[in-house]
Amino acid sequence: MLIDPAIIPLNGDGLFALRDDRGQMVGTGSREVCEVLLHVLKSCKSAKEELPPAPLNLRREHPNIRAAISI
C-alpha cells in the first residue's frame, strides 16, 4: 500500500511528524524540519529511480570463475 509522503501535526504546540510512502513515521520535529526531511525523502526516491538496473547474473561475464557460494 503506497501513499503520498505527508507531514502530520501531532499536537497544537507545533510538533509534526513525517510519514513515508509506506505509512511509517520517519521523523518528528518542527514543520520546517519535516519539510526538509520530506525534500530529502523525495530526492532520494527520484535518485533511486534514475539508477540503471544492476546486472542479474555475473556468471555469464566470467564463466571460468567458480565460487564457494553461488550468487
N, C-alpha and C. Protein backbone atom coordinates (compact mmCIF):
# COMPACT_ATOMS: atom_id res chain seq x y z
N MET A 1 0.84 -1.16 0.00
CA MET A 1 0.00 0.00 0.00
C MET A 1 0.90 1.24 0.00
N LEU A 2 1.06 1.87 -1.13
CA LEU A 2 1.87 3.07 -1.23
C LEU A 2 0.98 4.30 -1.21
N ILE A 3 1.36 5.26 -0.38
CA ILE A 3 0.63 6.51 -0.26
C ILE A 3 1.61 7.65 -0.43
N ASP A 4 1.11 8.85 -0.60
CA ASP A 4 1.99 10.00 -0.71
C ASP A 4 2.60 10.34 0.65
N PRO A 5 3.92 10.63 0.69
CA PRO A 5 4.51 11.09 1.95
C PRO A 5 3.82 12.37 2.41
N ALA A 6 3.64 12.51 3.72
CA ALA A 6 2.91 13.66 4.23
C ALA A 6 3.45 14.10 5.58
N ILE A 7 3.24 15.38 5.88
CA ILE A 7 3.57 15.95 7.17
C ILE A 7 2.28 15.99 7.99
N ILE A 8 2.31 15.39 9.17
CA ILE A 8 1.11 15.25 10.00
C ILE A 8 1.33 16.01 11.31
N PRO A 9 0.38 16.87 11.72
CA PRO A 9 0.52 17.53 13.02
C PRO A 9 0.25 16.54 14.16
N LEU A 10 1.12 16.56 15.15
CA LEU A 10 0.95 15.66 16.30
C LEU A 10 0.21 16.33 17.45
N ASN A 11 0.44 17.64 17.63
CA ASN A 11 -0.26 18.37 18.69
C ASN A 11 -0.38 19.83 18.28
N GLY A 12 -1.01 20.62 19.12
CA GLY A 12 -1.22 22.03 18.81
C GLY A 12 -0.03 22.91 19.13
N ASP A 13 1.04 22.34 19.68
CA ASP A 13 2.21 23.12 20.07
C ASP A 13 3.26 23.24 18.97
N GLY A 14 2.97 22.75 17.79
CA GLY A 14 3.92 22.86 16.69
C GLY A 14 4.80 21.65 16.49
N LEU A 15 4.38 20.49 16.97
CA LEU A 15 5.12 19.25 16.77
C LEU A 15 4.49 18.50 15.60
N PHE A 16 5.33 18.14 14.62
CA PHE A 16 4.85 17.46 13.42
C PHE A 16 5.62 16.17 13.23
N ALA A 17 5.06 15.27 12.43
CA ALA A 17 5.71 14.01 12.08
C ALA A 17 5.67 13.86 10.57
N LEU A 18 6.66 13.17 10.05
CA LEU A 18 6.73 12.89 8.61
C LEU A 18 6.40 11.42 8.39
N ARG A 19 5.42 11.15 7.56
CA ARG A 19 5.01 9.79 7.21
C ARG A 19 5.53 9.48 5.81
N ASP A 20 6.19 8.34 5.63
CA ASP A 20 6.72 7.98 4.32
C ASP A 20 5.65 7.31 3.46
N ASP A 21 6.05 6.84 2.29
CA ASP A 21 5.09 6.26 1.34
C ASP A 21 4.55 4.90 1.78
N ARG A 22 5.14 4.30 2.81
CA ARG A 22 4.64 3.04 3.34
C ARG A 22 3.76 3.22 4.57
N GLY A 23 3.59 4.48 5.00
CA GLY A 23 2.77 4.75 6.15
C GLY A 23 3.52 4.75 7.47
N GLN A 24 4.84 4.61 7.44
CA GLN A 24 5.64 4.59 8.65
C GLN A 24 6.12 5.99 8.98
N MET A 25 6.25 6.29 10.27
CA MET A 25 6.75 7.59 10.71
C MET A 25 8.27 7.63 10.53
N VAL A 26 8.76 8.62 9.80
CA VAL A 26 10.18 8.74 9.52
C VAL A 26 10.87 9.62 10.54
N GLY A 27 10.24 10.72 10.93
CA GLY A 27 10.85 11.63 11.88
C GLY A 27 9.83 12.60 12.43
N THR A 28 10.24 13.29 13.50
CA THR A 28 9.37 14.29 14.11
C THR A 28 10.17 15.56 14.33
N GLY A 29 9.46 16.66 14.49
CA GLY A 29 10.11 17.93 14.76
C GLY A 29 9.19 19.07 14.38
N SER A 30 9.79 20.25 14.19
CA SER A 30 9.01 21.40 13.76
C SER A 30 8.58 21.20 12.30
N ARG A 31 7.71 22.06 11.84
CA ARG A 31 7.25 21.97 10.45
C ARG A 31 8.41 22.11 9.48
N GLU A 32 9.33 23.03 9.78
CA GLU A 32 10.48 23.25 8.90
C GLU A 32 11.37 22.01 8.81
N VAL A 33 11.59 21.36 9.94
CA VAL A 33 12.40 20.14 9.95
C VAL A 33 11.73 19.05 9.11
N CYS A 34 10.44 18.90 9.26
CA CYS A 34 9.71 17.88 8.49
C CYS A 34 9.71 18.20 7.00
N GLU A 35 9.66 19.48 6.65
CA GLU A 35 9.72 19.86 5.23
C GLU A 35 11.08 19.50 4.63
N VAL A 36 12.16 19.71 5.38
CA VAL A 36 13.49 19.33 4.90
C VAL A 36 13.59 17.82 4.76
N LEU A 37 13.09 17.08 5.75
CA LEU A 37 13.09 15.63 5.66
C LEU A 37 12.28 15.13 4.47
N LEU A 38 11.16 15.77 4.20
CA LEU A 38 10.33 15.40 3.06
C LEU A 38 11.07 15.65 1.75
N HIS A 39 11.78 16.76 1.68
CA HIS A 39 12.57 17.05 0.48
C HIS A 39 13.67 16.00 0.28
N VAL A 40 14.35 15.62 1.35
CA VAL A 40 15.39 14.59 1.27
C VAL A 40 14.79 13.26 0.86
N LEU A 41 13.65 12.92 1.43
CA LEU A 41 12.98 11.66 1.11
C LEU A 41 12.61 11.60 -0.36
N LYS A 42 12.05 12.68 -0.88
CA LYS A 42 11.65 12.69 -2.29
C LYS A 42 12.86 12.70 -3.22
N SER A 43 13.94 13.38 -2.85
CA SER A 43 15.12 13.42 -3.72
C SER A 43 15.82 12.07 -3.75
N CYS A 44 15.83 11.35 -2.63
CA CYS A 44 16.41 10.01 -2.61
C CYS A 44 15.58 9.05 -3.44
N LYS A 45 14.29 9.19 -3.40
CA LYS A 45 13.41 8.32 -4.17
C LYS A 45 13.61 8.54 -5.67
N SER A 46 13.74 9.80 -6.09
CA SER A 46 13.94 10.07 -7.51
C SER A 46 15.33 9.63 -7.95
N ALA A 47 16.32 9.69 -7.06
CA ALA A 47 17.67 9.23 -7.41
C ALA A 47 17.69 7.73 -7.61
N LYS A 48 16.91 6.99 -6.81
CA LYS A 48 16.84 5.54 -6.97
C LYS A 48 16.21 5.18 -8.31
N GLU A 49 15.22 5.92 -8.75
CA GLU A 49 14.54 5.62 -9.99
C GLU A 49 15.43 5.88 -11.20
N GLU A 50 16.44 6.75 -11.07
CA GLU A 50 17.31 7.08 -12.19
C GLU A 50 18.44 6.08 -12.37
N LEU A 51 18.75 5.25 -11.36
CA LEU A 51 19.85 4.31 -11.45
C LEU A 51 19.51 3.19 -12.44
N PRO A 52 20.49 2.76 -13.22
CA PRO A 52 20.23 1.63 -14.12
C PRO A 52 20.11 0.35 -13.31
N PRO A 53 19.39 -0.63 -13.82
CA PRO A 53 19.23 -1.88 -13.07
C PRO A 53 20.57 -2.61 -12.96
N ALA A 54 20.79 -3.25 -11.83
CA ALA A 54 22.02 -4.00 -11.61
C ALA A 54 21.99 -5.27 -12.44
N PRO A 55 23.16 -5.74 -12.87
CA PRO A 55 23.17 -7.00 -13.63
C PRO A 55 22.69 -8.15 -12.76
N LEU A 56 21.86 -9.00 -13.33
CA LEU A 56 21.27 -10.08 -12.56
C LEU A 56 22.21 -11.27 -12.37
N ASN A 57 22.99 -11.57 -13.39
CA ASN A 57 23.82 -12.76 -13.31
C ASN A 57 25.23 -12.41 -13.79
N LEU A 58 26.19 -12.46 -12.90
CA LEU A 58 27.57 -12.14 -13.26
C LEU A 58 28.30 -13.34 -13.83
N ARG A 59 27.74 -14.51 -13.70
CA ARG A 59 28.42 -15.71 -14.19
C ARG A 59 28.56 -15.70 -15.71
N ARG A 60 27.69 -15.06 -16.41
CA ARG A 60 27.80 -15.00 -17.87
C ARG A 60 29.04 -14.23 -18.31
N GLU A 61 29.41 -13.22 -17.52
CA GLU A 61 30.57 -12.42 -17.88
C GLU A 61 31.88 -13.16 -17.59
N HIS A 62 31.89 -14.01 -16.56
CA HIS A 62 33.08 -14.74 -16.15
C HIS A 62 32.75 -16.21 -15.95
N PRO A 63 32.57 -16.96 -17.04
CA PRO A 63 32.14 -18.35 -16.89
C PRO A 63 33.21 -19.26 -16.31
N ASN A 64 34.49 -18.84 -16.34
CA ASN A 64 35.56 -19.72 -15.85
C ASN A 64 35.88 -19.49 -14.38
N ILE A 65 35.14 -18.65 -13.67
CA ILE A 65 35.37 -18.40 -12.25
C ILE A 65 34.33 -19.16 -11.44
N ARG A 66 34.80 -19.86 -10.41
CA ARG A 66 33.91 -20.62 -9.54
C ARG A 66 33.95 -20.00 -8.15
N ALA A 67 32.83 -20.13 -7.45
CA ALA A 67 32.74 -19.61 -6.10
C ALA A 67 32.22 -20.67 -5.16
N ALA A 68 32.55 -20.55 -3.90
CA ALA A 68 32.05 -21.50 -2.91
C ALA A 68 30.57 -21.30 -2.68
N ILE A 69 30.11 -20.05 -2.83
CA ILE A 69 28.70 -19.73 -2.66
C ILE A 69 28.20 -19.16 -3.98
N SER A 70 27.18 -19.78 -4.55
CA SER A 70 26.64 -19.25 -5.81
C SER A 70 25.75 -18.06 -5.51
N ILE A 71 25.81 -17.08 -6.35
CA ILE A 71 25.04 -15.85 -6.18
C ILE A 71 23.70 -15.99 -6.86
